[in-house]
C-alpha atoms as a PDB file:
ATOM      1  CA  MET A   1      88.021  58.382 130.832  1.00  0.00           C
ATOM      2  CA  GLU A   2      89.898  55.091 130.481  1.00  0.00           C
ATOM      3  CA  GLN A   3      92.680  56.299 132.790  1.00  0.00           C
ATOM      4  CA  ARG A   4      90.090  57.048 135.478  1.00  0.00           C
ATOM      5  CA  SER A   5      88.619  53.541 135.239  1.00  0.00           C
ATOM      6  CA  LEU A   6      92.105  52.005 135.318  1.00  0.00           C
ATOM      7  CA  GLN A   7      92.956  54.033 138.423  1.00  0.00           C
ATOM      8  CA  GLN A   8      89.682  52.989 140.080  1.00  0.00           C
ATOM      9  CA  GLU A   9      90.334  49.340 139.221  1.00  0.00           C
ATOM     10  CA  LEU A  10      93.839  49.499 140.704  1.00  0.00           C
ATOM     11  CA  GLU A  11      92.484  51.115 143.878  1.00  0.00           C
ATOM     12  CA  ASP A  12      89.840  48.407 144.172  1.00  0.00           C
ATOM     13  CA  GLN A  13      92.400  45.643 143.723  1.00  0.00           C
ATOM     14  CA  PHE A  14      94.730  47.247 146.253  1.00  0.00           C
ATOM     15  CA  SER A  15      91.992  47.594 148.867  1.00  0.00           C
ATOM     16  CA  HIS A  16      90.948  43.986 148.230  1.00  0.00           C
ATOM     17  CA  VAL A  17      94.521  42.732 148.726  1.00  0.00           C
ATOM     18  CA  VAL A  18      94.941  44.788 151.910  1.00  0.00           C
ATOM     19  CA  SER A  19      91.667  43.523 153.354  1.00  0.00           C
ATOM     20  CA  ARG A  20      92.626  39.906 152.616  1.00  0.00           C
ATOM     21  CA  LEU A  21      96.037  40.372 154.216  1.00  0.00           C
ATOM     22  CA  GLN A  22      94.480  41.890 157.313  1.00  0.00           C
ATOM     23  CA  SER A  23      91.994  39.056 157.644  1.00  0.00           C
ATOM     24  CA  LYS A  24      94.693  36.372 157.180  1.00  0.00           C
ATOM     25  CA  LEU A  25      97.688  37.814 159.038  1.00  0.00           C
ATOM     26  CA  PHE A  26      96.274  39.736 161.952  1.00  0.00           C
ATOM     27  CA  GLN A  27      93.673  37.383 163.328  1.00  0.00           C
ATOM     28  CA  SER A  28      94.331  38.137 166.997  1.00  0.00           C
ATOM     29  CA  ASP A  29      96.036  40.638 169.247  1.00  0.00           C
ATOM     30  CA  TRP A  30      98.906  38.169 169.708  1.00  0.00           C
ATOM     31  CA  ASP A  31      99.643  38.302 165.988  1.00  0.00           C
ATOM     32  CA  ILE A  32      99.846  42.079 166.076  1.00  0.00           C
ATOM     33  CA  ALA A  33     102.059  42.005 169.169  1.00  0.00           C
ATOM     34  CA  SER A  34     104.404  39.408 167.678  1.00  0.00           C
ATOM     35  CA  PHE A  35     104.816  41.449 164.479  1.00  0.00           C
ATOM     36  CA  ALA A  36     105.506  44.577 166.551  1.00  0.00           C
ATOM     37  CA  VAL A  37     108.145  42.793 168.652  1.00  0.00           C
ATOM     38  CA  PHE A  38     109.720  41.290 165.541  1.00  0.00           C
ATOM     39  CA  PHE A  39     109.974  44.626 163.740  1.00  0.00           C
ATOM     40  CA  ILE A  40     111.305  46.376 166.861  1.00  0.00           C
ATOM     41  CA  PHE A  41     113.963  43.655 167.165  1.00  0.00           C
ATOM     42  CA  ILE A  42     114.963  43.999 163.514  1.00  0.00           C
ATOM     43  CA  GLY A  43     115.021  47.787 163.878  1.00  0.00           C
ATOM     44  CA  MET A  44     117.321  47.605 166.894  1.00  0.00           C
ATOM     45  CA  ILE A  45     119.716  45.279 165.059  1.00  0.00           C
ATOM     46  CA  LEU A  46     119.808  47.634 162.069  1.00  0.00           C
ATOM     47  CA  LEU A  47     120.401  50.588 164.383  1.00  0.00           C
ATOM     48  CA  MET A  48     123.330  48.817 166.047  1.00  0.00           C
ATOM     49  CA  VAL A  49     124.838  47.909 162.671  1.00  0.00           C
ATOM     50  CA  ILE A  50     124.559  51.518 161.536  1.00  0.00           C
ATOM     51  CA  LEU A  51     126.196  52.740 164.750  1.00  0.00           C
ATOM     52  CA  VAL A  52     129.053  50.247 164.337  1.00  0.00           C
ATOM     53  CA  LEU A  53     129.580  51.356 160.744  1.00  0.00           C
ATOM     54  CA  ILE A  54     129.620  54.996 161.811  1.00  0.00           C
ATOM     55  CA  ARG A  55     132.115  54.195 164.575  1.00  0.00           C
ATOM     56  CA  CYS A  56     134.376  52.213 162.233  1.00  0.00           C
ATOM     57  CA  CYS A  57     134.266  54.605 159.295  1.00  0.00           C
ATOM     58  CA  CYS A  58     134.188  58.005 160.953  1.00  0.00           C
ATOM     59  CA  CYS A  59     136.006  57.619 164.251  1.00  0.00           C
ATOM     60  CA  CYS A  60     139.089  55.680 163.120  1.00  0.00           C
ATOM     61  CA  CYS A  61     140.776  58.790 161.782  1.00  0.00           C
ATOM     62  CA  CYS A  62     140.089  60.710 164.997  1.00  0.00           C
ATOM     63  CA  ASP A  63     141.616  58.109 167.335  1.00  0.00           C
ATOM     64  CA  ASP A  64     145.216  59.047 166.423  1.00  0.00           C
ATOM     65  CA  GLU A  65     144.784  62.699 167.392  1.00  0.00           C
ATOM     66  CA  ARG A  66     143.727  62.011 170.978  1.00  0.00           C
ATOM     67  CA  PRO A  67     146.451  61.601 173.568  1.00  0.00           C
ATOM     68  CA  ARG A  68     146.944  58.124 174.925  1.00  0.00           C
ATOM     69  CA  ARG A  69     145.760  57.477 178.459  1.00  0.00           C
ATOM     70  CA  ARG A  70     148.376  56.719 181.024  1.00  0.00           C
ATOM     71  CA  LYS A  71     148.086  55.572 184.599  1.00  0.00           C
ATOM     72  CA  VAL A  72     148.194  58.206 187.252  1.00  0.00           C
ATOM     73  CA  GLY A  73     149.081  57.401 190.849  1.00  0.00           C
ATOM     74  CA  ILE A  74     150.921  54.700 192.671  1.00  0.00           C
ATOM     75  CA  GLU A  75     150.378  51.008 192.127  1.00  0.00           C
ATOM     76  CA  ASN A  76     149.474  49.091 195.260  1.00  0.00           C
ATOM     77  CA  MET A  77     151.935  46.271 195.612  1.00  0.00           C
ATOM     78  CA  ALA A  78     151.969  43.836 198.481  1.00  0.00           C
ATOM     79  CA  LEU A  79     155.051  44.343 200.601  1.00  0.00           C
ATOM     80  CA  GLU A  80     156.889  41.180 201.440  1.00  0.00           C
ATOM     81  CA  PRO A  81     158.609  41.057 204.852  1.00  0.00           C
END
């Protein structure tokens, strides 16, 4: 019985905190849009960091096995008279 009341009290406190945060933080549509842009920006930075780490850690060992590129064709050089 006491565990049920404790769980109900925690749920009430959580819903109270969430409602206060919503009323303070997201007062207008501009607030919501700015948070969305901010989190998208942070997400893109984290994605780029992860891709760089994958490239550095996983692809370094594979670079030696590929043949080196060499120029094919004739270089255009200006002919002097």
